[in-house]
Amino acid sequence: MNVIEKALQIASKAHANQFRKHTDIPYITHPVAVGMMLMKAGYGDDLVAAGILHDTVEDTSLTLADIERDFGRIIARIVEGCSEPDKSLSWEERKKHTIEFLKTAPDEVRAVACADKLHNIQSIIEDYKQMGESVWERFNRGKGDQEWYYRNVVESLGYQTNIRLLDELKNEVDQLFKPN
């Protein structure tokens, strides 16, 4: 079995019975979409697998040791870089950490993080088309804080070498948060 198929199986089992925030959409659609974006952008199998696995350590019972055992050190490091290190911190502290970390993170971590944020923004845009401003009610922080976060992530990801999906992320962030 190749690494992508293995990642799909493990992530599907780990995310079973989870749903996207305040929806009935199975959560696994998000990491699969992230992996597909990375594949379409021309990244290799290990990075695609890491994209599929990116939320497993943060949001399921899987550990970094599980990922390293099943996929090796490289993929485990990428997943670790995409995981918030301390979920007990406030939203602001966690997001500031992510923004700072992404400035100097390895390119592989930055690529997966970019695809992750891109899919999140695209999902919000689709929901916004249907729900309007009420879409922001499903988040712990409102539109202003979300805009601050996503604009700073774009800036951080652009701090070093350009990530293949960064221009698309920037365009989608600009579209979602354009002034009325």
C-alpha atoms as a PDB file:
ATOM      1  CA  MET A   1       0.000   0.000   0.000  1.00  0.00           C
ATOM      2  CA  ASN A   2       1.403   3.402  -0.872  1.00  0.00           C
ATOM      3  CA  VAL A   3       1.863   6.167   1.674  1.00  0.00           C
ATOM      4  CA  ILE A   4      -1.118   8.232   0.465  1.00  0.00           C
ATOM      5  CA  GLU A   5      -3.537   5.315   0.640  1.00  0.00           C
ATOM      6  CA  LYS A   6      -2.216   4.420   4.092  1.00  0.00           C
ATOM      7  CA  ALA A   7      -2.648   8.027   5.241  1.00  0.00           C
ATOM      8  CA  LEU A   8      -6.222   8.051   3.913  1.00  0.00           C
ATOM      9  CA  GLN A   9      -7.072   4.886   5.823  1.00  0.00           C
ATOM     10  CA  ILE A  10      -5.503   5.995   9.103  1.00  0.00           C
ATOM     11  CA  ALA A  11      -6.898   9.542   8.947  1.00  0.00           C
ATOM     12  CA  SER A  12     -10.375   8.229   8.036  1.00  0.00           C
ATOM     13  CA  LYS A  13     -10.408   5.946  11.051  1.00  0.00           C
ATOM     14  CA  ALA A  14      -8.955   8.602  13.363  1.00  0.00           C
ATOM     15  CA  HIS A  15     -11.479  11.260  12.277  1.00  0.00           C
ATOM     16  CA  ALA A  16     -14.472   8.873  12.241  1.00  0.00           C
ATOM     17  CA  ASN A  17     -17.584  10.467  13.744  1.00  0.00           C
ATOM     18  CA  GLN A  18     -16.071  13.971  13.594  1.00  0.00           C
ATOM     19  CA  PHE A  19     -17.727  16.761  11.624  1.00  0.00           C
ATOM     20  CA  ARG A  20     -16.683  20.157  10.277  1.00  0.00           C
ATOM     21  CA  LYS A  21     -17.463  22.982  12.695  1.00  0.00           C
ATOM     22  CA  HIS A  22     -21.254  23.298  13.204  1.00  0.00           C
ATOM     23  CA  THR A  23     -22.096  21.244  10.099  1.00  0.00           C
ATOM     24  CA  ASP A  24     -23.034  17.695   9.175  1.00  0.00           C
ATOM     25  CA  ILE A  25     -20.052  17.416   6.798  1.00  0.00           C
ATOM     26  CA  PRO A  26     -17.703  14.571   7.819  1.00  0.00           C
ATOM     27  CA  TYR A  27     -14.423  16.040   9.044  1.00  0.00           C
ATOM     28  CA  ILE A  28     -12.308  13.757   6.859  1.00  0.00           C
ATOM     29  CA  THR A  29     -13.311  15.851   3.833  1.00  0.00           C
ATOM     30  CA  HIS A  30     -10.998  18.619   5.087  1.00  0.00           C
ATOM     31  CA  PRO A  31      -7.712  16.681   5.368  1.00  0.00           C
ATOM     32  CA  VAL A  32      -8.466  14.859   2.108  1.00  0.00           C
ATOM     33  CA  ALA A  33      -9.034  18.221   0.376  1.00  0.00           C
ATOM     34  CA  VAL A  34      -5.742  19.500   1.826  1.00  0.00           C
ATOM     35  CA  GLY A  35      -3.939  16.440   0.453  1.00  0.00           C
ATOM     36  CA  MET A  36      -5.578  16.875  -2.959  1.00  0.00           C
ATOM     37  CA  MET A  37      -4.547  20.536  -3.096  1.00  0.00           C
ATOM     38  CA  LEU A  38      -0.959  19.578  -2.355  1.00  0.00           C
ATOM     39  CA  MET A  39      -1.062  16.847  -5.000  1.00  0.00           C
ATOM     40  CA  LYS A  40      -2.482  19.221  -7.627  1.00  0.00           C
ATOM     41  CA  ALA A  41       0.231  21.749  -6.743  1.00  0.00           C
ATOM     42  CA  GLY A  42       2.843  19.110  -7.607  1.00  0.00           C
ATOM     43  CA  TYR A  43       4.088  18.135  -4.159  1.00  0.00           C
ATOM     44  CA  GLY A  44       5.358  14.603  -3.544  1.00  0.00           C
ATOM     45  CA  ASP A  45       3.630  11.668  -1.894  1.00  0.00           C
ATOM     46  CA  ASP A  46       5.112  12.244   1.581  1.00  0.00           C
ATOM     47  CA  LEU A  47       3.879  15.837   1.669  1.00  0.00           C
ATOM     48  CA  VAL A  48       0.441  14.793   0.385  1.00  0.00           C
ATOM     49  CA  ALA A  49       0.258  12.115   3.094  1.00  0.00           C
ATOM     50  CA  ALA A  50       1.316  14.678   5.732  1.00  0.00           C
ATOM     51  CA  GLY A  51      -1.468  16.960   4.489  1.00  0.00           C
ATOM     52  CA  ILE A  52      -3.997  14.172   4.932  1.00  0.00           C
ATOM     53  CA  LEU A  53      -2.648  13.476   8.425  1.00  0.00           C
ATOM     54  CA  HIS A  54      -2.119  17.116   9.473  1.00  0.00           C
ATOM     55  CA  ASP A  55      -4.948  17.267  12.044  1.00  0.00           C
ATOM     56  CA  THR A  56      -4.689  13.747  13.457  1.00  0.00           C
ATOM     57  CA  VAL A  57      -2.392  14.555  16.370  1.00  0.00           C
ATOM     58  CA  GLU A  58      -4.210  17.778  17.228  1.00  0.00           C
ATOM     59  CA  ASP A  59      -7.775  16.475  16.933  1.00  0.00           C
ATOM     60  CA  THR A  60      -7.754  12.697  17.491  1.00  0.00           C
ATOM     61  CA  SER A  61      -6.275  10.129  19.838  1.00  0.00           C
ATOM     62  CA  LEU A  62      -3.289   9.502  17.526  1.00  0.00           C
ATOM     63  CA  THR A  63       0.090  10.652  18.823  1.00  0.00           C
ATOM     64  CA  LEU A  64       3.236  11.826  17.083  1.00  0.00           C
ATOM     65  CA  ALA A  65       4.779   8.502  18.081  1.00  0.00           C
ATOM     66  CA  ASP A  66       1.963   6.715  16.195  1.00  0.00           C
ATOM     67  CA  ILE A  67       2.577   8.846  13.095  1.00  0.00           C
ATOM     68  CA  GLU A  68       6.339   8.329  13.264  1.00  0.00           C
ATOM     69  CA  ARG A  69       5.924   4.568  13.720  1.00  0.00           C
ATOM     70  CA  ASP A  70       3.543   4.256  10.774  1.00  0.00           C
ATOM     71  CA  PHE A  71       4.967   6.926   8.433  1.00  0.00           C
ATOM     72  CA  GLY A  72       8.496   7.795   9.518  1.00  0.00           C
ATOM     73  CA  ARG A  73      10.234  10.799  10.967  1.00  0.00           C
ATOM     74  CA  ILE A  74       9.810  13.173   8.008  1.00  0.00           C
ATOM     75  CA  ILE A  75       6.013  12.945   7.870  1.00  0.00           C
ATOM     76  CA  ALA A  76       5.813  13.006  11.675  1.00  0.00           C
ATOM     77  CA  ARG A  77       7.824  16.263  11.755  1.00  0.00           C
ATOM     78  CA  ILE A  78       5.509  17.874   9.211  1.00  0.00           C
ATOM     79  CA  VAL A  79       2.412  16.815  11.181  1.00  0.00           C
ATOM     80  CA  GLU A  80       4.024  18.093  14.368  1.00  0.00           C
ATOM     81  CA  GLY A  81       4.718  21.451  12.711  1.00  0.00           C
ATOM     82  CA  CYS A  82       1.057  21.724  11.696  1.00  0.00           C
ATOM     83  CA  SER A  83      -0.243  20.934  15.196  1.00  0.00           C
ATOM     84  CA  GLU A  84      -0.861  23.508  17.895  1.00  0.00           C
ATOM     85  CA  PRO A  85       1.565  22.639  20.696  1.00  0.00           C
ATOM     86  CA  ASP A  86      -0.646  23.633  23.643  1.00  0.00           C
ATOM     87  CA  LYS A  87      -4.430  23.583  23.250  1.00  0.00           C
ATOM     88  CA  SER A  88      -4.799  24.924  26.824  1.00  0.00           C
ATOM     89  CA  LEU A  89      -3.569  28.368  25.726  1.00  0.00           C
ATOM     90  CA  SER A  90      -6.043  31.082  24.751  1.00  0.00           C
ATOM     91  CA  TRP A  91      -7.108  31.451  21.111  1.00  0.00           C
ATOM     92  CA  GLU A  92      -4.976  34.597  20.793  1.00  0.00           C
ATOM     93  CA  GLU A  93      -1.858  32.927  22.226  1.00  0.00           C
ATOM     94  CA  ARG A  94      -2.257  29.873  19.979  1.00  0.00           C
ATOM     95  CA  LYS A  95      -2.773  31.984  16.867  1.00  0.00           C
ATOM     96  CA  LYS A  96       0.163  34.297  17.662  1.00  0.00           C
ATOM     97  CA  HIS A  97       2.342  31.205  18.102  1.00  0.00           C
ATOM     98  CA  THR A  98       1.238  29.852  14.705  1.00  0.00           C
ATOM     99  CA  ILE A  99       1.878  33.190  12.993  1.00  0.00           C
ATOM    100  CA  GLU A 100       5.398  33.457  14.426  1.00  0.00           C
ATOM    101  CA  PHE A 101       6.216  29.772  13.880  1.00  0.00           C
ATOM    102  CA  LEU A 102       5.231  29.841  10.199  1.00  0.00           C
ATOM    103  CA  LYS A 103       7.745  32.609   9.429  1.00  0.00           C
ATOM    104  CA  THR A 104      10.675  30.241   9.886  1.00  0.00           C
ATOM    105  CA  ALA A 105       9.092  26.778   9.736  1.00  0.00           C
ATOM    106  CA  PRO A 106      10.479  24.257   7.235  1.00  0.00           C
ATOM    107  CA  ASP A 107       9.054  24.680   3.723  1.00  0.00           C
ATOM    108  CA  GLU A 108       7.202  21.336   3.968  1.00  0.00           C
ATOM    109  CA  VAL A 109       5.338  22.489   7.085  1.00  0.00           C
ATOM    110  CA  ARG A 110       4.586  25.849   5.495  1.00  0.00           C
ATOM    111  CA  ALA A 111       3.198  24.143   2.356  1.00  0.00           C
ATOM    112  CA  VAL A 112       0.825  21.926   4.366  1.00  0.00           C
ATOM    113  CA  ALA A 113      -0.211  24.859   6.578  1.00  0.00           C
ATOM    114  CA  CYS A 114      -0.907  26.939   3.465  1.00  0.00           C
ATOM    115  CA  ALA A 115      -3.112  24.222   1.944  1.00  0.00           C
ATOM    116  CA  ASP A 116      -4.883  23.811   5.292  1.00  0.00           C
ATOM    117  CA  LYS A 117      -5.654  27.529   5.566  1.00  0.00           C
ATOM    118  CA  LEU A 118      -6.619  27.696   1.884  1.00  0.00           C
ATOM    119  CA  HIS A 119      -9.196  24.953   2.263  1.00  0.00           C
ATOM    120  CA  ASN A 120     -10.533  26.565   5.449  1.00  0.00           C
ATOM    121  CA  ILE A 121     -10.932  29.928   3.694  1.00  0.00           C
ATOM    122  CA  GLN A 122     -12.605  28.328   0.674  1.00  0.00           C
ATOM    123  CA  SER A 123     -15.041  26.557   2.997  1.00  0.00           C
ATOM    124  CA  ILE A 124     -15.842  29.822   4.786  1.00  0.00           C
ATOM    125  CA  ILE A 125     -16.380  31.574   1.428  1.00  0.00           C
ATOM    126  CA  GLU A 126     -18.842  28.872   0.320  1.00  0.00           C
ATOM    127  CA  ASP A 127     -20.687  29.067   3.643  1.00  0.00           C
ATOM    128  CA  TYR A 128     -20.680  32.872   3.486  1.00  0.00           C
ATOM    129  CA  LYS A 129     -22.423  32.722   0.096  1.00  0.00           C
ATOM    130  CA  GLN A 130     -25.230  30.729   1.717  1.00  0.00           C
ATOM    131  CA  MET A 131     -25.360  32.230   5.214  1.00  0.00           C
ATOM    132  CA  GLY A 132     -23.993  35.763   4.909  1.00  0.00           C
ATOM    133  CA  GLU A 133     -22.544  37.416   8.000  1.00  0.00           C
ATOM    134  CA  SER A 134     -24.064  34.776  10.295  1.00  0.00           C
ATOM    135  CA  VAL A 135     -21.264  32.431   9.184  1.00  0.00           C
ATOM    136  CA  TRP A 136     -19.015  34.120  11.752  1.00  0.00           C
ATOM    137  CA  GLU A 137     -21.216  32.911  14.610  1.00  0.00           C
ATOM    138  CA  ARG A 138     -19.792  29.396  14.292  1.00  0.00           C
ATOM    139  CA  PHE A 139     -16.309  30.581  15.284  1.00  0.00           C
ATOM    140  CA  ASN A 140     -14.916  31.294  18.743  1.00  0.00           C
ATOM    141  CA  ARG A 141     -13.777  34.650  17.411  1.00  0.00           C
ATOM    142  CA  GLY A 142     -15.660  36.875  14.979  1.00  0.00           C
ATOM    143  CA  LYS A 143     -14.894  38.234  11.552  1.00  0.00           C
ATOM    144  CA  GLY A 144     -12.393  40.860  12.703  1.00  0.00           C
ATOM    145  CA  ASP A 145     -10.251  38.379  14.602  1.00  0.00           C
ATOM    146  CA  GLN A 146     -10.476  35.837  11.781  1.00  0.00           C
ATOM    147  CA  GLU A 147      -9.339  38.486   9.299  1.00  0.00           C
ATOM    148  CA  TRP A 148      -6.414  39.445  11.569  1.00  0.00           C
ATOM    149  CA  TYR A 149      -5.396  35.795  11.831  1.00  0.00           C
ATOM    150  CA  TYR A 150      -5.630  34.870   8.145  1.00  0.00           C
ATOM    151  CA  ARG A 151      -3.935  38.050   6.904  1.00  0.00           C
ATOM    152  CA  ASN A 152      -1.066  37.480   9.332  1.00  0.00           C
ATOM    153  CA  VAL A 153      -0.761  33.823   8.286  1.00  0.00           C
ATOM    154  CA  VAL A 154      -0.474  34.940   4.649  1.00  0.00           C
ATOM    155  CA  GLU A 155       2.244  37.414   5.633  1.00  0.00           C
ATOM    156  CA  SER A 156       4.110  34.782   7.666  1.00  0.00           C
ATOM    157  CA  LEU A 157       3.962  32.201   4.888  1.00  0.00           C
ATOM    158  CA  GLY A 158       5.380  34.786   2.483  1.00  0.00           C
ATOM    159  CA  TYR A 159       8.245  35.668   4.819  1.00  0.00           C
ATOM    160  CA  GLN A 160      10.654  33.208   3.178  1.00  0.00           C
ATOM    161  CA  THR A 161      10.514  31.324  -0.099  1.00  0.00           C
ATOM    162  CA  ASN A 162       7.207  31.406  -1.907  1.00  0.00           C
ATOM    163  CA  ILE A 163       4.887  28.453  -1.278  1.00  0.00           C
ATOM    164  CA  ARG A 164       3.088  27.225  -4.418  1.00  0.00           C
ATOM    165  CA  LEU A 165      -0.426  27.798  -3.039  1.00  0.00           C
ATOM    166  CA  LEU A 166       0.322  31.114  -1.311  1.00  0.00           C
ATOM    167  CA  ASP A 167      -0.941  33.400  -4.092  1.00  0.00           C
ATOM    168  CA  GLU A 168      -4.229  31.510  -4.167  1.00  0.00           C
ATOM    169  CA  LEU A 169      -4.534  31.768  -0.377  1.00  0.00           C
ATOM    170  CA  LYS A 170      -3.838  35.498  -0.486  1.00  0.00           C
ATOM    171  CA  ASN A 171      -6.462  36.009  -3.219  1.00  0.00           C
ATOM    172  CA  GLU A 172      -9.094  34.018  -1.290  1.00  0.00           C
ATOM    173  CA  VAL A 173      -8.359  35.919   1.947  1.00  0.00           C
ATOM    174  CA  ASP A 174      -8.665  39.217   0.044  1.00  0.00           C
ATOM    175  CA  GLN A 175     -11.962  38.032  -1.481  1.00  0.00           C
ATOM    176  CA  LEU A 176     -13.458  36.964   1.861  1.00  0.00           C
ATOM    177  CA  PHE A 177     -12.402  40.047   3.769  1.00  0.00           C
ATOM    178  CA  LYS A 178     -12.770  42.701   1.062  1.00  0.00           C
ATOM    179  CA  PRO A 179     -14.385  45.917   2.252  1.00  0.00           C
ATOM    180  CA  ASN A 180     -18.088  46.142   1.402  1.00  0.00           C
END
